[in-house]
Amino acid sequence: MSDLSGQAGEYLRLRRALGHKLDDAHRLLPRFVAYLDTIGAQTVTVEAALAWARRPDADPASSVWMRRMTVARGFARHMAGVDPETEVPPPGLVTFQQRRRQPFIYSDADITALMAHARRSIPTPLRAATVETLIGLLAATGMRVGEVIRLERPDVLWAEAVIVVRDSKFGKSRLVPLHPSAVAALAAYAEQRDRLQPQPKSPTFFVSTVGTALLYCDVCHTFRKIIDATGVGSPRHPRIHDIRHTFAVKTLVGWYHDGHDTQARLPRLSAVLGHQDPKYTYWYLSAAPELLSLAAARIEAQGPRP
């Protein structure tokens, strides 16, 4: 083992003891050290770090180059206290501008087809009802998949027709209103769930056939199988997360069609979706051509500003 390998191991142990998340470092740092050993480098240099980070085995448009440089820079800072010959790469040598994937906007017929296929094709009655109702709830509320999976029974406030989403993505809770049809669908599922699984092991609203909480990866895998089987969105292979985008887009389109002041209402949609700032919600304006044309028509109708 080279001196650099020993230093890398010590660096990772120190960071781990301080409570840092080291997924990238554990995976990438040994590769960086191996590269330094291959080129005969005795310590970290800017040239070596840049050459390793920008190796052509990854797409420059992805975040791989930037993640590599972040790991190399962190290790270089550590080595600078050990070896004065160490060069710490300055920030900005490798940049990355995230490119959002254009979401697929589901039609009402698409959602109906997905739910119907889950109901017909999944042989286990409880699982079929769970998947069908989960898809419907995503479409009706715009909730995140993880939020729906974590939803517990007391979080559905039947009388108020709202769902309490607790400790969401940014550590905040919020209320999500429910349409009467969604309340009825959830009540029907709850009745079937309690009949088929009277003694669940989990307090979650949606449960597996053995009464445990649903697994995120399993839900996504099942959804992909339904997409493939129904051909919805083909050949784009839409994601389950696109249902959330669809809810936001349809809400905005509905406001435009009804003549509401969409800009003024945007904070309301942000609150329902659990966004920290309306600017993140505003991105949905670019998610569908219909929204852009409606926005342009609204601006044109308002005439020039004084």
Protein backbone atom coordinates (compact mmCIF):
# COMPACT_ATOMS: atom_id res chain seq x y z
CA MET A 1 0.00 0.00 0.00
CA SER A 2 1.40 3.40 -0.98
CA ASP A 3 1.69 6.36 1.41
CA LEU A 4 -1.15 8.04 -0.45
CA SER A 5 -3.39 5.01 0.08
CA GLY A 6 -2.67 5.11 3.80
CA GLN A 7 -3.40 8.83 3.92
CA ALA A 8 -6.63 8.30 1.99
CA GLY A 9 -7.76 5.66 4.48
CA GLU A 10 -6.98 7.96 7.39
CA TYR A 11 -8.82 10.83 5.69
CA LEU A 12 -11.95 8.71 5.21
CA ARG A 13 -11.87 7.47 8.82
CA LEU A 14 -11.58 11.05 10.07
CA ARG A 15 -14.45 12.30 7.92
CA ARG A 16 -16.60 9.34 8.94
CA ALA A 17 -15.94 10.04 12.63
CA LEU A 18 -17.11 13.62 12.09
CA GLY A 19 -20.41 12.36 10.70
CA HIS A 20 -19.92 13.24 7.03
CA LYS A 21 -21.71 11.33 4.28
CA LEU A 22 -18.99 9.76 2.18
CA ASP A 23 -20.74 7.85 -0.59
CA ASP A 24 -18.79 9.56 -3.38
CA ALA A 25 -15.52 9.68 -1.44
CA HIS A 26 -15.58 5.96 -0.57
CA ARG A 27 -16.15 5.09 -4.21
CA LEU A 28 -14.00 7.68 -5.97
CA LEU A 29 -11.06 8.41 -3.67
CA PRO A 30 -9.44 4.94 -4.05
CA ARG A 31 -9.65 5.43 -7.83
CA PHE A 32 -8.00 8.84 -7.58
CA VAL A 33 -5.20 7.45 -5.42
CA ALA A 34 -4.73 4.55 -7.84
CA TYR A 35 -4.43 7.08 -10.67
CA LEU A 36 -1.81 9.06 -8.74
CA ASP A 37 0.13 5.86 -8.12
CA THR A 38 -0.08 4.95 -11.82
CA ILE A 39 1.43 8.25 -12.96
CA GLY A 40 4.03 8.15 -10.19
CA ALA A 41 2.75 11.22 -8.35
CA GLN A 42 3.95 11.56 -4.77
CA THR A 43 1.18 13.94 -3.75
CA VAL A 44 -1.84 15.77 -5.16
CA THR A 45 -1.25 18.39 -7.83
CA VAL A 46 -3.72 20.57 -9.68
CA GLU A 47 -2.65 19.07 -12.99
CA ALA A 48 -3.12 15.49 -11.79
CA ALA A 49 -6.49 16.20 -10.16
CA LEU A 50 -7.78 17.93 -13.28
CA ALA A 51 -6.55 15.17 -15.59
CA TRP A 52 -8.20 12.50 -13.44
CA ALA A 53 -11.47 14.38 -13.04
CA ARG A 54 -11.77 15.04 -16.77
CA ARG A 55 -10.98 11.55 -17.99
CA PRO A 56 -13.03 10.80 -21.13
CA ASP A 57 -14.82 7.79 -19.64
CA ALA A 58 -17.73 10.00 -18.55
CA ASP A 59 -19.98 12.50 -20.29
CA PRO A 60 -18.74 16.06 -19.68
CA ALA A 61 -22.38 17.15 -19.56
CA SER A 62 -22.99 14.88 -16.55
CA SER A 63 -22.02 15.67 -12.98
CA VAL A 64 -19.30 12.99 -12.87
CA TRP A 65 -16.39 15.34 -13.59
CA MET A 66 -17.50 17.75 -10.90
CA ARG A 67 -17.99 14.99 -8.30
CA ARG A 68 -14.52 13.65 -9.05
CA MET A 69 -12.99 17.09 -8.57
CA THR A 70 -14.89 17.61 -5.32
CA VAL A 71 -13.43 14.38 -3.93
CA ALA A 72 -9.92 15.24 -5.17
CA ARG A 73 -10.12 18.74 -3.66
CA GLY A 74 -11.28 17.43 -0.29
CA PHE A 75 -8.41 14.95 -0.13
CA ALA A 76 -5.95 17.64 -1.23
CA ARG A 77 -7.03 19.88 1.66
CA HIS A 78 -6.30 17.01 4.02
CA MET A 79 -2.93 16.29 2.42
CA ALA A 80 -1.94 19.96 2.56
CA GLY A 81 -1.63 19.60 6.33
CA VAL A 82 0.65 16.60 5.87
CA ASP A 83 2.73 17.46 2.81
CA PRO A 84 3.54 21.12 2.03
CA GLU A 85 4.11 20.16 -1.62
CA THR A 86 0.39 19.40 -2.01
CA GLU A 87 -1.53 21.62 -4.43
CA VAL A 88 -5.19 22.22 -3.63
CA PRO A 89 -7.25 22.64 -6.84
CA PRO A 90 -9.13 25.96 -6.75
CA PRO A 91 -12.94 25.96 -7.15
CA GLY A 92 -14.35 26.45 -10.62
CA LEU A 93 -11.90 24.28 -12.59
CA VAL A 94 -14.71 21.85 -13.37
CA THR A 95 -18.29 23.07 -13.51
CA PHE A 96 -21.60 21.41 -14.16
CA GLN A 97 -24.93 22.89 -15.09
CA GLN A 98 -27.72 20.49 -14.31
CA ARG A 99 -30.03 19.74 -17.19
CA ARG A 100 -33.57 18.85 -16.20
CA ARG A 101 -35.17 16.05 -18.12
CA GLN A 102 -38.31 17.30 -19.82
CA PRO A 103 -41.17 15.68 -17.89
CA PHE A 104 -43.87 13.64 -19.52
CA ILE A 105 -47.32 15.11 -18.97
CA TYR A 106 -49.87 12.33 -18.46
CA SER A 107 -53.37 12.75 -19.83
CA ASP A 108 -56.38 11.79 -17.72
CA ALA A 109 -56.75 8.77 -20.01
CA ASP A 110 -53.14 7.76 -19.29
CA ILE A 111 -53.68 7.78 -15.54
CA THR A 112 -56.93 5.85 -15.93
CA ALA A 113 -55.16 3.25 -18.08
CA LEU A 114 -52.35 2.81 -15.56
CA MET A 115 -54.75 2.38 -12.65
CA ALA A 116 -56.94 -0.03 -14.61
CA HIS A 117 -53.95 -2.17 -15.59
CA ALA A 118 -52.83 -2.37 -11.97
CA ARG A 119 -56.32 -3.45 -10.95
CA ARG A 120 -56.58 -6.12 -13.67
CA SER A 121 -53.04 -7.47 -13.95
CA ILE A 122 -51.77 -7.74 -10.37
CA PRO A 123 -53.02 -11.11 -9.08
CA THR A 124 -52.96 -10.30 -5.35
CA PRO A 125 -56.06 -8.26 -4.44
CA LEU A 126 -54.42 -6.14 -1.74
CA ARG A 127 -51.38 -5.36 -3.86
CA ALA A 128 -53.55 -4.52 -6.85
CA ALA A 129 -55.64 -2.14 -4.75
CA THR A 130 -52.53 -0.61 -3.20
CA VAL A 131 -50.83 0.15 -6.51
CA GLU A 132 -54.03 1.42 -8.14
CA THR A 133 -54.87 3.74 -5.24
CA LEU A 134 -51.29 4.94 -4.85
CA ILE A 135 -51.15 6.01 -8.51
CA GLY A 136 -54.48 7.78 -8.12
CA LEU A 137 -53.32 9.63 -5.00
CA LEU A 138 -50.14 10.79 -6.73
CA ALA A 139 -52.20 12.15 -9.61
CA ALA A 140 -54.75 13.84 -7.34
CA THR A 141 -52.30 15.55 -4.99
CA GLY A 142 -48.87 15.95 -6.63
CA MET A 143 -47.25 14.38 -3.58
CA ARG A 144 -43.78 12.89 -3.83
CA VAL A 145 -43.60 9.10 -4.05
CA GLY A 146 -41.67 8.88 -0.78
CA GLU A 147 -44.28 11.01 0.96
CA VAL A 148 -47.08 8.70 -0.11
CA ILE A 149 -45.13 5.63 1.00
CA ARG A 150 -44.44 7.17 4.45
CA LEU A 151 -48.04 8.35 4.92
CA GLU A 152 -49.52 6.95 8.13
CA ARG A 153 -53.17 6.31 8.92
CA PRO A 154 -53.66 9.27 11.30
CA ASP A 155 -52.23 11.57 8.59
CA VAL A 156 -55.45 11.27 6.58
CA LEU A 157 -57.88 13.74 8.16
CA TRP A 158 -61.18 12.45 6.81
CA ALA A 159 -63.47 15.16 8.13
CA GLU A 160 -61.24 17.97 6.88
CA ALA A 161 -60.49 16.21 3.55
CA VAL A 162 -56.75 16.88 3.87
CA ILE A 163 -53.56 14.88 4.22
CA VAL A 164 -50.82 15.88 6.65
CA VAL A 165 -47.41 15.40 5.06
CA ARG A 166 -44.96 15.24 7.96
CA ASP A 167 -41.21 15.92 7.87
CA SER A 168 -41.02 16.19 4.12
CA LYS A 169 -38.00 16.82 1.90
CA PHE A 170 -36.96 20.00 3.69
CA GLY A 171 -37.95 18.88 7.18
CA LYS A 172 -41.28 20.71 7.10
CA SER A 173 -44.86 19.50 7.38
CA ARG A 174 -47.75 20.70 5.23
CA LEU A 175 -51.41 20.12 4.49
CA VAL A 176 -52.51 18.72 1.12
CA PRO A 177 -56.20 19.14 0.24
CA LEU A 178 -58.17 16.22 -1.17
CA HIS A 179 -60.95 16.25 -3.75
CA PRO A 180 -64.09 14.40 -2.55
CA SER A 181 -63.43 11.68 -5.14
CA ALA A 182 -59.95 11.16 -3.68
CA VAL A 183 -61.40 10.90 -0.16
CA ALA A 184 -63.85 8.27 -1.40
CA ALA A 185 -61.09 6.29 -3.14
CA LEU A 186 -58.88 6.35 -0.04
CA ALA A 187 -61.79 5.24 2.15
CA ALA A 188 -62.55 2.34 -0.20
CA TYR A 189 -58.90 1.28 -0.12
CA ALA A 190 -58.75 1.54 3.69
CA GLU A 191 -61.79 -0.72 4.00
CA GLN A 192 -60.28 -3.31 1.67
CA ARG A 193 -56.86 -3.06 3.33
CA ASP A 194 -58.30 -3.63 6.81
CA ARG A 195 -60.33 -6.58 5.58
CA LEU A 196 -57.43 -8.27 3.76
CA GLN A 197 -54.72 -7.35 6.26
CA PRO A 198 -56.41 -6.85 9.66
CA GLN A 199 -53.16 -6.97 11.67
CA PRO A 200 -50.53 -5.01 9.73
CA LYS A 201 -46.97 -4.74 10.98
CA SER A 202 -46.66 -1.12 9.85
CA PRO A 203 -48.73 1.97 10.74
CA THR A 204 -48.40 3.27 7.17
CA PHE A 205 -51.57 3.92 5.20
CA PHE A 206 -50.41 1.80 2.27
CA VAL A 207 -49.11 -1.65 3.16
CA SER A 208 -47.70 -4.67 1.38
CA THR A 209 -49.47 -8.02 1.21
CA VAL A 210 -47.72 -9.05 4.45
CA GLY A 211 -48.61 -5.82 6.24
CA THR A 212 -45.25 -4.07 6.03
CA ALA A 213 -44.45 -0.62 4.67
CA LEU A 214 -43.94 -0.36 0.93
CA LEU A 215 -40.43 -0.19 -0.48
CA TYR A 216 -39.59 2.76 -2.72
CA CYS A 217 -37.64 0.66 -5.21
CA ASP A 218 -40.44 -1.90 -5.42
CA VAL A 219 -43.05 0.77 -6.13
CA CYS A 220 -40.92 2.29 -8.89
CA HIS A 221 -40.20 -1.13 -10.39
CA THR A 222 -43.88 -2.05 -10.42
CA PHE A 223 -44.75 1.26 -12.04
CA ARG A 224 -42.18 0.73 -14.79
CA LYS A 225 -43.70 -2.69 -15.54
CA ILE A 226 -47.15 -1.12 -15.83
CA ILE A 227 -45.79 1.59 -18.15
CA ASP A 228 -44.17 -1.03 -20.37
CA ALA A 229 -47.29 -3.19 -20.42
CA THR A 230 -49.69 -0.37 -21.27
CA GLY A 231 -47.41 1.49 -23.66
CA VAL A 232 -48.34 4.82 -22.05
CA GLY A 233 -45.88 7.49 -23.15
CA SER A 234 -44.04 5.17 -25.53
CA PRO A 235 -41.29 5.49 -26.60
CA ARG A 236 -40.35 8.03 -23.91
CA HIS A 237 -40.68 5.65 -20.90
CA PRO A 238 -42.19 8.24 -18.54
CA ARG A 239 -41.32 8.12 -14.86
CA ILE A 240 -43.53 7.84 -11.81
CA HIS A 241 -42.16 11.24 -10.74
CA ASP A 242 -43.72 12.75 -13.86
CA ILE A 243 -47.13 12.34 -12.23
CA ARG A 244 -46.12 15.10 -9.82
CA HIS A 245 -45.10 17.33 -12.75
CA THR A 246 -48.43 16.54 -14.40
CA PHE A 247 -50.38 17.66 -11.33
CA ALA A 248 -48.52 20.98 -11.25
CA VAL A 249 -48.94 21.62 -14.96
CA LYS A 250 -52.64 20.77 -14.98
CA THR A 251 -53.23 23.00 -11.97
CA LEU A 252 -51.54 25.94 -13.68
CA VAL A 253 -53.34 25.30 -16.97
CA GLY A 254 -56.64 25.17 -15.11
CA TRP A 255 -55.94 28.51 -13.47
CA TYR A 256 -55.11 30.07 -16.80
CA HIS A 257 -58.28 28.72 -18.42
CA ASP A 258 -60.41 29.95 -15.50
CA GLY A 259 -58.91 33.44 -15.77
CA HIS A 260 -57.22 33.42 -12.36
CA ASP A 261 -54.12 35.48 -11.57
CA THR A 262 -51.69 32.56 -11.85
CA GLN A 263 -48.72 34.56 -10.61
CA ALA A 264 -50.59 35.48 -7.43
CA ARG A 265 -51.69 31.90 -6.88
CA LEU A 266 -48.26 30.36 -7.43
CA PRO A 267 -47.30 30.44 -3.71
CA ARG A 268 -50.43 28.38 -3.00
CA LEU A 269 -49.28 25.67 -5.41
CA SER A 270 -45.76 25.86 -3.95
CA ALA A 271 -47.19 25.19 -0.50
CA VAL A 272 -49.18 22.18 -1.70
CA LEU A 273 -46.14 20.73 -3.51
CA GLY A 274 -43.81 21.41 -0.59
CA HIS A 275 -41.43 23.70 -2.48
CA GLN A 276 -39.29 26.06 -0.42
CA ASP A 277 -39.70 28.90 -2.88
CA PRO A 278 -42.22 29.67 -5.66
CA LYS A 279 -39.34 29.99 -8.11
CA TYR A 280 -39.00 26.19 -8.07
CA THR A 281 -42.69 25.85 -8.91
CA TYR A 282 -42.42 28.43 -11.68
CA TRP A 283 -40.21 26.01 -13.64
CA TYR A 284 -43.35 24.04 -14.47
CA LEU A 285 -44.36 26.83 -16.84
CA SER A 286 -41.75 25.49 -19.25
CA ALA A 287 -42.87 21.87 -18.84
CA ALA A 288 -45.72 22.02 -21.36
CA PRO A 289 -46.11 24.02 -24.57
CA GLU A 290 -49.72 24.76 -23.65
CA LEU A 291 -48.59 26.63 -20.55
CA LEU A 292 -46.17 28.76 -22.51
CA SER A 293 -48.82 29.66 -25.12
CA LEU A 294 -51.34 30.49 -22.41
CA ALA A 295 -48.83 32.66 -20.60
CA ALA A 296 -47.95 34.47 -23.83
CA ALA A 297 -51.63 35.05 -24.63
CA ARG A 298 -52.23 36.43 -21.15
CA ILE A 299 -49.33 38.86 -21.45
CA GLU A 300 -50.45 39.96 -24.91
CA ALA A 301 -54.02 40.53 -23.69
CA GLN A 302 -52.75 42.70 -20.86
CA GLY A 303 -51.12 45.02 -23.40
CA PRO A 304 -47.84 46.96 -23.00
CA ARG A 305 -46.81 48.04 -19.55
CA PRO A 306 -46.82 51.78 -18.86
